[in-house]
Amino acid sequence: MDVTAGKALIEPMRAEQADQVLAIYQLGIDAGQATFETAAPTWQRFDAAKLPAHRHVAIGSLDGAPGRVLGWVAASAVSERCAYAGVVEHSVYVHPGARRRGVGLSLLRALISSTEAAGIWTIQSGIFPENTASLALHAHAGFRVIGVRERIGRHHGTWRDVVLIERRSPVIA
């Protein structure tokens, strides 16, 4: 179902949007505060890793061009074990030109809606502590900090910490 949020339309991600989705991902990677990844994957790898029912894009005007992908959110299973069937890990990326317009929050709300409808009880992620905008966004969407993994990995030769966050659904028992 499409959801209008502000001036952005939230809709399911489609393969035709791959170039824009991966370009936004690469912009986040290039900024250096979003992920340990150094390059966006191919669409085939991205598509295989993300749960189809839990991938959304925000569509709106960007630099005067209507119908552009402003951002995206997607979730992956955290484990094949049945005990973790209701737990996913997510990523959310917003084009730099679309930030501070409510796009990220709208995308997180769409993800929360789709995961709860599917019986998923926990959405989790890891965020670099320097990415204060993402931490604030997630707190606003009901996520909580559950801990910090110190020096968990190297990013461009530097040890980085990761703040672990989660949102436990209040409606999934």
N, C-alpha and C. Protein backbone atom coordinates (compact mmCIF):
# COMPACT_ATOMS: atom_id res chain seq x y z
N MET A 1 0.84 -1.19 0.00
CA MET A 1 0.00 0.00 0.00
C MET A 1 0.88 1.24 0.00
N ASP A 2 0.55 2.20 -0.81
CA ASP A 2 1.29 3.46 -0.85
C ASP A 2 0.82 4.36 0.28
N VAL A 3 1.74 5.07 0.87
CA VAL A 3 1.43 5.97 1.97
C VAL A 3 2.00 7.33 1.64
N THR A 4 1.18 8.36 1.70
CA THR A 4 1.67 9.70 1.47
C THR A 4 2.15 10.27 2.79
N ALA A 5 3.38 10.76 2.82
CA ALA A 5 3.96 11.34 4.03
C ALA A 5 4.58 12.67 3.64
N GLY A 6 3.97 13.76 4.09
CA GLY A 6 4.46 15.07 3.69
C GLY A 6 4.34 15.18 2.19
N LYS A 7 5.44 15.48 1.53
CA LYS A 7 5.43 15.58 0.08
C LYS A 7 6.04 14.34 -0.57
N ALA A 8 6.31 13.30 0.24
CA ALA A 8 6.87 12.06 -0.30
C ALA A 8 5.81 10.97 -0.26
N LEU A 9 5.82 10.14 -1.27
CA LEU A 9 4.95 8.98 -1.34
C LEU A 9 5.79 7.76 -0.96
N ILE A 10 5.35 7.00 0.03
CA ILE A 10 6.07 5.80 0.43
C ILE A 10 5.42 4.63 -0.28
N GLU A 11 6.23 3.86 -0.99
CA GLU A 11 5.70 2.73 -1.74
C GLU A 11 6.70 1.58 -1.70
N PRO A 12 6.26 0.37 -2.08
CA PRO A 12 7.18 -0.76 -2.14
C PRO A 12 8.31 -0.49 -3.14
N MET A 13 9.49 -0.93 -2.80
CA MET A 13 10.65 -0.78 -3.69
C MET A 13 10.47 -1.71 -4.89
N ARG A 14 10.81 -1.20 -6.06
CA ARG A 14 10.73 -1.97 -7.30
C ARG A 14 12.10 -2.06 -7.97
N ALA A 15 12.31 -3.10 -8.74
CA ALA A 15 13.58 -3.30 -9.43
C ALA A 15 13.90 -2.13 -10.37
N GLU A 16 12.88 -1.49 -10.92
CA GLU A 16 13.12 -0.35 -11.81
C GLU A 16 13.77 0.83 -11.09
N GLN A 17 13.73 0.82 -9.78
CA GLN A 17 14.32 1.89 -8.97
C GLN A 17 15.75 1.55 -8.51
N ALA A 18 16.27 0.43 -8.97
CA ALA A 18 17.56 -0.06 -8.50
C ALA A 18 18.67 0.97 -8.61
N ASP A 19 18.79 1.62 -9.76
CA ASP A 19 19.88 2.59 -9.94
C ASP A 19 19.81 3.72 -8.92
N GLN A 20 18.62 4.24 -8.68
CA GLN A 20 18.47 5.33 -7.71
C GLN A 20 18.71 4.84 -6.28
N VAL A 21 18.20 3.66 -5.95
CA VAL A 21 18.39 3.09 -4.61
C VAL A 21 19.88 2.89 -4.34
N LEU A 22 20.57 2.28 -5.28
CA LEU A 22 22.00 2.00 -5.08
C LEU A 22 22.83 3.28 -5.10
N ALA A 23 22.41 4.28 -5.85
CA ALA A 23 23.12 5.57 -5.85
C ALA A 23 23.00 6.24 -4.48
N ILE A 24 21.83 6.18 -3.88
CA ILE A 24 21.64 6.74 -2.54
C ILE A 24 22.47 5.96 -1.53
N TYR A 25 22.50 4.66 -1.68
CA TYR A 25 23.33 3.83 -0.81
C TYR A 25 24.80 4.25 -0.93
N GLN A 26 25.27 4.44 -2.15
CA GLN A 26 26.66 4.84 -2.35
C GLN A 26 26.95 6.21 -1.76
N LEU A 27 26.01 7.13 -1.85
CA LEU A 27 26.19 8.44 -1.23
C LEU A 27 26.36 8.30 0.28
N GLY A 28 25.59 7.42 0.90
CA GLY A 28 25.73 7.16 2.33
C GLY A 28 27.07 6.54 2.66
N ILE A 29 27.50 5.61 1.83
CA ILE A 29 28.81 4.98 2.01
C ILE A 29 29.91 6.03 1.90
N ASP A 30 29.83 6.86 0.88
CA ASP A 30 30.86 7.88 0.64
C ASP A 30 30.96 8.89 1.78
N ALA A 31 29.86 9.15 2.47
CA ALA A 31 29.88 10.10 3.59
C ALA A 31 30.67 9.57 4.77
N GLY A 32 30.83 8.25 4.85
CA GLY A 32 31.72 7.65 5.84
C GLY A 32 31.15 7.41 7.22
N GLN A 33 29.87 7.70 7.46
CA GLN A 33 29.30 7.51 8.80
C GLN A 33 28.12 6.54 8.82
N ALA A 34 27.90 5.81 7.73
CA ALA A 34 26.70 4.99 7.66
C ALA A 34 26.94 3.49 7.74
N THR A 35 28.08 3.00 7.29
CA THR A 35 28.27 1.56 7.16
C THR A 35 29.75 1.23 7.03
N PHE A 36 30.08 -0.01 7.31
CA PHE A 36 31.43 -0.50 7.08
C PHE A 36 31.67 -0.79 5.60
N GLU A 37 30.61 -0.89 4.82
CA GLU A 37 30.75 -1.17 3.39
C GLU A 37 31.54 -0.05 2.71
N THR A 38 32.21 -0.40 1.64
CA THR A 38 32.98 0.60 0.90
C THR A 38 32.41 0.84 -0.50
N ALA A 39 31.49 -0.02 -0.92
CA ALA A 39 30.84 0.14 -2.23
C ALA A 39 29.47 -0.50 -2.17
N ALA A 40 28.51 0.12 -2.83
CA ALA A 40 27.17 -0.45 -2.91
C ALA A 40 27.24 -1.77 -3.67
N PRO A 41 26.41 -2.73 -3.30
CA PRO A 41 26.43 -4.02 -4.00
C PRO A 41 25.75 -3.90 -5.36
N THR A 42 25.82 -4.95 -6.11
CA THR A 42 25.02 -5.03 -7.33
C THR A 42 23.56 -5.15 -6.92
N TRP A 43 22.66 -4.85 -7.84
CA TRP A 43 21.25 -5.01 -7.53
C TRP A 43 20.94 -6.48 -7.21
N GLN A 44 21.56 -7.40 -7.90
CA GLN A 44 21.30 -8.81 -7.66
C GLN A 44 21.64 -9.19 -6.22
N ARG A 45 22.78 -8.73 -5.71
CA ARG A 45 23.16 -9.01 -4.32
C ARG A 45 22.22 -8.31 -3.34
N PHE A 46 21.91 -7.05 -3.62
CA PHE A 46 20.99 -6.29 -2.77
C PHE A 46 19.64 -7.00 -2.71
N ASP A 47 19.09 -7.33 -3.86
CA ASP A 47 17.79 -7.96 -3.97
C ASP A 47 17.74 -9.29 -3.24
N ALA A 48 18.78 -10.08 -3.35
CA ALA A 48 18.84 -11.39 -2.70
C ALA A 48 18.93 -11.28 -1.19
N ALA A 49 19.52 -10.19 -0.69
CA ALA A 49 19.75 -10.05 0.75
C ALA A 49 18.58 -9.41 1.50
N LYS A 50 17.69 -8.75 0.82
CA LYS A 50 16.62 -7.99 1.47
C LYS A 50 15.28 -8.70 1.33
N LEU A 51 14.50 -8.68 2.40
CA LEU A 51 13.19 -9.31 2.40
C LEU A 51 12.22 -8.51 1.52
N PRO A 52 11.63 -9.12 0.50
CA PRO A 52 10.79 -8.37 -0.46
C PRO A 52 9.64 -7.60 0.17
N ALA A 53 9.02 -8.12 1.19
CA ALA A 53 7.86 -7.45 1.80
C ALA A 53 8.24 -6.28 2.69
N HIS A 54 9.54 -6.09 2.91
CA HIS A 54 9.98 -5.06 3.85
C HIS A 54 11.03 -4.14 3.22
N ARG A 55 10.75 -3.74 1.98
CA ARG A 55 11.58 -2.79 1.24
C ARG A 55 10.68 -1.68 0.73
N HIS A 56 11.00 -0.46 1.14
CA HIS A 56 10.16 0.68 0.77
C HIS A 56 11.04 1.82 0.27
N VAL A 57 10.45 2.63 -0.59
CA VAL A 57 11.12 3.84 -1.06
C VAL A 57 10.21 5.03 -0.83
N ALA A 58 10.83 6.20 -0.69
CA ALA A 58 10.10 7.47 -0.64
C ALA A 58 10.28 8.12 -1.99
N ILE A 59 9.18 8.49 -2.61
CA ILE A 59 9.20 9.10 -3.94
C ILE A 59 8.73 10.54 -3.81
N GLY A 60 9.46 11.45 -4.45
CA GLY A 60 9.08 12.86 -4.40
C GLY A 60 9.95 13.67 -5.33
N SER A 61 9.95 14.96 -5.11
CA SER A 61 10.72 15.88 -5.93
C SER A 61 12.11 16.05 -5.34
N LEU A 62 13.11 15.98 -6.20
CA LEU A 62 14.50 16.16 -5.78
C LEU A 62 15.18 17.03 -6.81
N ASP A 63 15.68 18.16 -6.36
CA ASP A 63 16.33 19.12 -7.26
C ASP A 63 15.42 19.51 -8.42
N GLY A 64 14.13 19.66 -8.11
CA GLY A 64 13.17 20.08 -9.12
C GLY A 64 12.65 18.96 -10.00
N ALA A 65 13.19 17.76 -9.86
CA ALA A 65 12.74 16.64 -10.68
C ALA A 65 11.75 15.79 -9.89
N PRO A 66 10.51 15.68 -10.36
CA PRO A 66 9.51 14.86 -9.65
C PRO A 66 9.75 13.37 -9.88
N GLY A 67 9.14 12.55 -9.03
CA GLY A 67 9.20 11.11 -9.23
C GLY A 67 10.54 10.47 -8.92
N ARG A 68 11.34 11.12 -8.10
CA ARG A 68 12.68 10.60 -7.77
C ARG A 68 12.62 9.82 -6.46
N VAL A 69 13.51 8.85 -6.31
CA VAL A 69 13.67 8.15 -5.04
C VAL A 69 14.41 9.09 -4.10
N LEU A 70 13.77 9.42 -2.98
CA LEU A 70 14.37 10.30 -1.98
C LEU A 70 15.12 9.51 -0.91
N GLY A 71 14.73 8.27 -0.72
CA GLY A 71 15.35 7.42 0.28
C GLY A 71 14.74 6.04 0.24
N TRP A 72 15.33 5.15 1.01
CA TRP A 72 14.84 3.78 1.05
C TRP A 72 15.10 3.15 2.42
N VAL A 73 14.33 2.12 2.71
CA VAL A 73 14.51 1.31 3.91
C VAL A 73 14.33 -0.14 3.48
N ALA A 74 15.10 -1.03 4.07
CA ALA A 74 14.99 -2.46 3.75
C ALA A 74 15.43 -3.27 4.95
N ALA A 75 14.90 -4.48 5.04
CA ALA A 75 15.22 -5.36 6.15
C ALA A 75 15.72 -6.70 5.64
N SER A 76 16.56 -7.33 6.47
CA SER A 76 17.09 -8.66 6.20
C SER A 76 16.83 -9.54 7.42
N ALA A 77 16.67 -10.82 7.19
CA ALA A 77 16.55 -11.75 8.30
C ALA A 77 17.88 -11.79 9.06
N VAL A 78 17.83 -11.93 10.37
CA VAL A 78 19.08 -11.99 11.14
C VAL A 78 19.58 -13.42 11.29
N SER A 79 18.70 -14.40 11.10
CA SER A 79 19.09 -15.79 11.28
C SER A 79 18.09 -16.69 10.57
N GLU A 80 18.55 -17.86 10.20
CA GLU A 80 17.66 -18.88 9.63
C GLU A 80 16.98 -19.69 10.73
N ARG A 81 17.45 -19.56 11.97
CA ARG A 81 16.89 -20.32 13.09
C ARG A 81 15.46 -19.85 13.37
N CYS A 82 14.56 -20.80 13.59
CA CYS A 82 13.14 -20.45 13.77
C CYS A 82 12.91 -19.56 14.98
N ALA A 83 13.76 -19.64 16.00
CA ALA A 83 13.59 -18.78 17.19
C ALA A 83 13.72 -17.30 16.84
N TYR A 84 14.42 -17.00 15.75
CA TYR A 84 14.64 -15.62 15.35
C TYR A 84 13.79 -15.21 14.15
N ALA A 85 12.74 -15.95 13.87
CA ALA A 85 11.89 -15.66 12.71
C ALA A 85 11.26 -14.28 12.78
N GLY A 86 11.11 -13.74 13.97
CA GLY A 86 10.48 -12.44 14.14
C GLY A 86 11.46 -11.31 14.39
N VAL A 87 12.71 -11.51 13.97
CA VAL A 87 13.74 -10.49 14.18
C VAL A 87 14.38 -10.16 12.84
N VAL A 88 14.43 -8.87 12.52
CA VAL A 88 15.09 -8.42 11.29
C VAL A 88 16.08 -7.32 11.60
N GLU A 89 17.03 -7.17 10.70
CA GLU A 89 17.97 -6.05 10.77
C GLU A 89 17.65 -5.14 9.60
N HIS A 90 17.70 -3.84 9.84
CA HIS A 90 17.30 -2.92 8.78
C HIS A 90 18.39 -1.90 8.47
N SER A 91 18.21 -1.27 7.32
CA SER A 91 19.02 -0.13 6.89
C SER A 91 18.05 0.92 6.35
N VAL A 92 18.38 2.18 6.59
CA VAL A 92 17.59 3.27 6.03
C VAL A 92 18.57 4.34 5.54
N TYR A 93 18.36 4.79 4.31
CA TYR A 93 19.23 5.78 3.69
C TYR A 93 18.37 6.84 3.03
N VAL A 94 18.75 8.10 3.22
CA VAL A 94 18.03 9.23 2.61
C VAL A 94 19.02 10.04 1.79
N HIS A 95 18.60 10.42 0.59
CA HIS A 95 19.44 11.25 -0.27
C HIS A 95 19.78 12.54 0.49
N PRO A 96 21.04 13.01 0.42
CA PRO A 96 21.41 14.24 1.13
C PRO A 96 20.50 15.43 0.82
N GLY A 97 20.00 15.52 -0.39
CA GLY A 97 19.13 16.62 -0.77
C GLY A 97 17.71 16.50 -0.24
N ALA A 98 17.39 15.36 0.39
CA ALA A 98 16.04 15.15 0.91
C ALA A 98 16.01 15.03 2.43
N ARG A 99 17.13 15.28 3.06
CA ARG A 99 17.17 15.16 4.52
C ARG A 99 16.44 16.31 5.18
N ARG A 100 16.01 16.05 6.41
CA ARG A 100 15.28 17.02 7.24
C ARG A 100 13.92 17.38 6.64
N ARG A 101 13.35 16.43 5.90
CA ARG A 101 12.02 16.62 5.31
C ARG A 101 11.04 15.56 5.81
N GLY A 102 11.45 14.74 6.78
CA GLY A 102 10.59 13.69 7.31
C GLY A 102 10.63 12.40 6.53
N VAL A 103 11.52 12.31 5.56
CA VAL A 103 11.60 11.12 4.71
C VAL A 103 12.03 9.90 5.52
N GLY A 104 13.08 10.04 6.32
CA GLY A 104 13.57 8.90 7.10
C GLY A 104 12.52 8.37 8.06
N LEU A 105 11.84 9.27 8.76
CA LEU A 105 10.80 8.85 9.69
C LEU A 105 9.65 8.16 8.96
N SER A 106 9.26 8.69 7.82
CA SER A 106 8.19 8.06 7.03
C SER A 106 8.59 6.66 6.59
N LEU A 107 9.83 6.51 6.19
CA LEU A 107 10.31 5.18 5.78
C LEU A 107 10.34 4.21 6.95
N LEU A 108 10.81 4.66 8.11
CA LEU A 108 10.82 3.79 9.29
C LEU A 108 9.40 3.39 9.68
N ARG A 109 8.46 4.31 9.60
CA ARG A 109 7.06 3.99 9.92
C ARG A 109 6.50 2.95 8.95
N ALA A 110 6.86 3.05 7.68
CA ALA A 110 6.42 2.06 6.70
C ALA A 110 7.02 0.69 7.02
N LEU A 111 8.28 0.67 7.42
CA LEU A 111 8.92 -0.60 7.78
C LEU A 111 8.26 -1.19 9.02
N ILE A 112 8.00 -0.37 10.01
CA ILE A 112 7.34 -0.84 11.23
C ILE A 112 5.97 -1.44 10.89
N SER A 113 5.23 -0.77 10.04
CA SER A 113 3.91 -1.25 9.64
C SER A 113 3.99 -2.59 8.91
N SER A 114 4.92 -2.71 7.96
CA SER A 114 5.01 -3.96 7.20
C SER A 114 5.52 -5.11 8.06
N THR A 115 6.46 -4.83 8.95
CA THR A 115 6.99 -5.91 9.79
C THR A 115 5.97 -6.36 10.81
N GLU A 116 5.26 -5.42 11.42
CA GLU A 116 4.24 -5.82 12.39
C GLU A 116 3.13 -6.62 11.71
N ALA A 117 2.74 -6.22 10.51
CA ALA A 117 1.71 -6.97 9.77
C ALA A 117 2.16 -8.40 9.49
N ALA A 118 3.47 -8.61 9.41
CA ALA A 118 4.03 -9.94 9.14
C ALA A 118 4.37 -10.70 10.42
N GLY A 119 4.07 -10.13 11.58
CA GLY A 119 4.35 -10.82 12.84
C GLY A 119 5.78 -10.69 13.33
N ILE A 120 6.52 -9.75 12.78
CA ILE A 120 7.91 -9.53 13.20
C ILE A 120 7.89 -8.67 14.46
N TRP A 121 8.59 -9.14 15.49
CA TRP A 121 8.52 -8.45 16.78
C TRP A 121 9.71 -7.56 17.09
N THR A 122 10.82 -7.73 16.40
CA THR A 122 11.99 -6.88 16.68
C THR A 122 12.65 -6.44 15.39
N ILE A 123 12.91 -5.14 15.30
CA ILE A 123 13.71 -4.55 14.22
C ILE A 123 14.98 -4.05 14.90
N GLN A 124 16.13 -4.43 14.37
CA GLN A 124 17.39 -4.00 14.98
C GLN A 124 18.32 -3.44 13.93
N SER A 125 19.37 -2.77 14.41
CA SER A 125 20.40 -2.25 13.52
C SER A 125 21.60 -1.84 14.35
N GLY A 126 22.66 -1.50 13.65
CA GLY A 126 23.86 -0.94 14.28
C GLY A 126 24.19 0.38 13.61
N ILE A 127 24.53 1.38 14.42
CA ILE A 127 24.79 2.72 13.91
C ILE A 127 26.09 3.23 14.50
N PHE A 128 26.94 3.84 13.67
CA PHE A 128 28.15 4.46 14.20
C PHE A 128 27.73 5.56 15.19
N PRO A 129 28.38 5.67 16.35
CA PRO A 129 27.99 6.68 17.33
C PRO A 129 28.11 8.11 16.81
N GLU A 130 28.96 8.34 15.82
CA GLU A 130 29.12 9.67 15.23
C GLU A 130 27.92 10.07 14.37
N ASN A 131 27.11 9.10 13.99
CA ASN A 131 25.94 9.37 13.15
C ASN A 131 24.77 9.77 14.05
N THR A 132 24.90 10.95 14.65
CA THR A 132 23.91 11.42 15.62
C THR A 132 22.54 11.67 14.99
N ALA A 133 22.51 12.04 13.73
CA ALA A 133 21.22 12.26 13.06
C ALA A 133 20.44 10.94 12.97
N SER A 134 21.12 9.87 12.62
CA SER A 134 20.45 8.58 12.54
C SER A 134 20.01 8.09 13.91
N LEU A 135 20.84 8.28 14.91
CA LEU A 135 20.46 7.89 16.26
C LEU A 135 19.22 8.65 16.73
N ALA A 136 19.17 9.95 16.45
CA ALA A 136 18.01 10.76 16.83
C ALA A 136 16.76 10.33 16.06
N LEU A 137 16.90 10.07 14.77
CA LEU A 137 15.78 9.61 13.95
C LEU A 137 15.20 8.32 14.52
N HIS A 138 16.07 7.37 14.81
CA HIS A 138 15.60 6.10 15.33
C HIS A 138 14.96 6.24 16.70
N ALA A 139 15.51 7.07 17.56
CA ALA A 139 14.90 7.32 18.88
C ALA A 139 13.49 7.88 18.69
N HIS A 140 13.33 8.80 17.73
CA HIS A 140 12.02 9.39 17.45
C HIS A 140 11.03 8.33 16.96
N ALA A 141 11.53 7.31 16.29
CA ALA A 141 10.67 6.25 15.75
C ALA A 141 10.44 5.12 16.76
N GLY A 142 10.95 5.28 17.98
CA GLY A 142 10.68 4.29 19.01
C GLY A 142 11.76 3.24 19.21
N PHE A 143 12.92 3.44 18.63
CA PHE A 143 14.03 2.52 18.84
C PHE A 143 14.75 2.90 20.13
N ARG A 144 15.39 1.93 20.76
CA ARG A 144 16.17 2.20 21.96
C ARG A 144 17.58 1.65 21.78
N VAL A 145 18.51 2.27 22.45
CA VAL A 145 19.89 1.79 22.45
C VAL A 145 19.97 0.61 23.41
N ILE A 146 20.56 -0.48 22.93
CA ILE A 146 20.71 -1.65 23.79
C ILE A 146 22.17 -1.91 24.17
N GLY A 147 23.09 -1.18 23.54
CA GLY A 147 24.49 -1.35 23.90
C GLY A 147 25.41 -0.79 22.84
N VAL A 148 26.70 -0.87 23.12
CA VAL A 148 27.72 -0.43 22.18
C VAL A 148 28.72 -1.56 22.01
N ARG A 149 28.97 -1.90 20.76
CA ARG A 149 30.03 -2.87 20.44
C ARG A 149 31.27 -2.05 20.16
N GLU A 150 32.20 -2.11 21.08
CA GLU A 150 33.40 -1.28 20.98
C GLU A 150 34.42 -1.90 20.04
N ARG A 151 34.98 -1.03 19.19
CA ARG A 151 36.03 -1.46 18.27
C ARG A 151 35.67 -2.77 17.56
N ILE A 152 34.46 -2.82 17.04
CA ILE A 152 33.94 -4.05 16.44
C ILE A 152 34.51 -4.33 15.05
N GLY A 153 34.94 -3.28 14.37
CA GLY A 153 35.49 -3.48 13.03
C GLY A 153 36.29 -2.28 12.58
N ARG A 154 37.11 -2.52 11.56
CA ARG A 154 37.91 -1.42 11.00
C ARG A 154 37.18 -0.82 9.80
N HIS A 155 37.24 0.49 9.74
CA HIS A 155 36.63 1.23 8.65
C HIS A 155 37.68 2.20 8.15
N HIS A 156 38.16 1.96 6.95
CA HIS A 156 39.24 2.77 6.37
C HIS A 156 40.44 2.83 7.32
N GLY A 157 40.77 1.68 7.91
CA GLY A 157 41.95 1.56 8.77
C GLY A 157 41.76 2.01 10.20
N THR A 158 40.57 2.46 10.57
CA THR A 158 40.30 2.94 11.92
C THR A 158 39.28 2.04 12.61
N TRP A 159 39.57 1.66 13.85
CA TRP A 159 38.60 0.89 14.63
C TRP A 159 37.36 1.74 14.88
N ARG A 160 36.18 1.14 14.69
CA ARG A 160 34.92 1.86 14.90
C ARG A 160 34.04 1.11 15.89
N ASP A 161 33.32 1.88 16.69
CA ASP A 161 32.29 1.35 17.56
C ASP A 161 30.98 1.34 16.79
N VAL A 162 30.05 0.52 17.27
CA VAL A 162 28.70 0.48 16.70
C VAL A 162 27.70 0.47 17.84
N VAL A 163 26.74 1.39 17.78
CA VAL A 163 25.66 1.44 18.75
C VAL A 163 24.56 0.50 18.26
N LEU A 164 24.21 -0.46 19.11
CA LEU A 164 23.14 -1.40 18.76
C LEU A 164 21.81 -0.81 19.19
N ILE A 165 20.85 -0.82 18.26
CA ILE A 165 19.51 -0.30 18.56
C ILE A 165 18.48 -1.36 18.20
N GLU A 166 17.33 -1.25 18.83
CA GLU A 166 16.23 -2.14 18.48
C GLU A 166 14.91 -1.46 18.78
N ARG A 167 13.89 -1.96 18.08
CA ARG A 167 12.52 -1.56 18.37
C ARG A 167 11.72 -2.85 18.53
N ARG A 168 11.22 -3.03 19.71
CA ARG A 168 10.37 -4.20 20.00
C ARG A 168 8.92 -3.78 19.80
N SER A 169 8.20 -4.51 18.99
CA SER A 169 6.82 -4.18 18.70
C SER A 169 5.95 -4.30 19.94
N PRO A 170 5.15 -3.28 20.21
CA PRO A 170 4.22 -3.38 21.33
C PRO A 170 2.96 -4.16 20.98
N VAL A 171 2.77 -4.52 19.70
CA VAL A 171 1.55 -5.21 19.30
C VAL A 171 1.75 -6.68 18.99
N ILE A 172 2.98 -7.13 18.88
CA ILE A 172 3.26 -8.55 18.63
C ILE A 172 3.57 -9.21 19.97
N ALA A 173 2.71 -10.14 20.37
CA ALA A 173 2.89 -10.79 21.68
C ALA A 173 3.75 -12.03 21.58
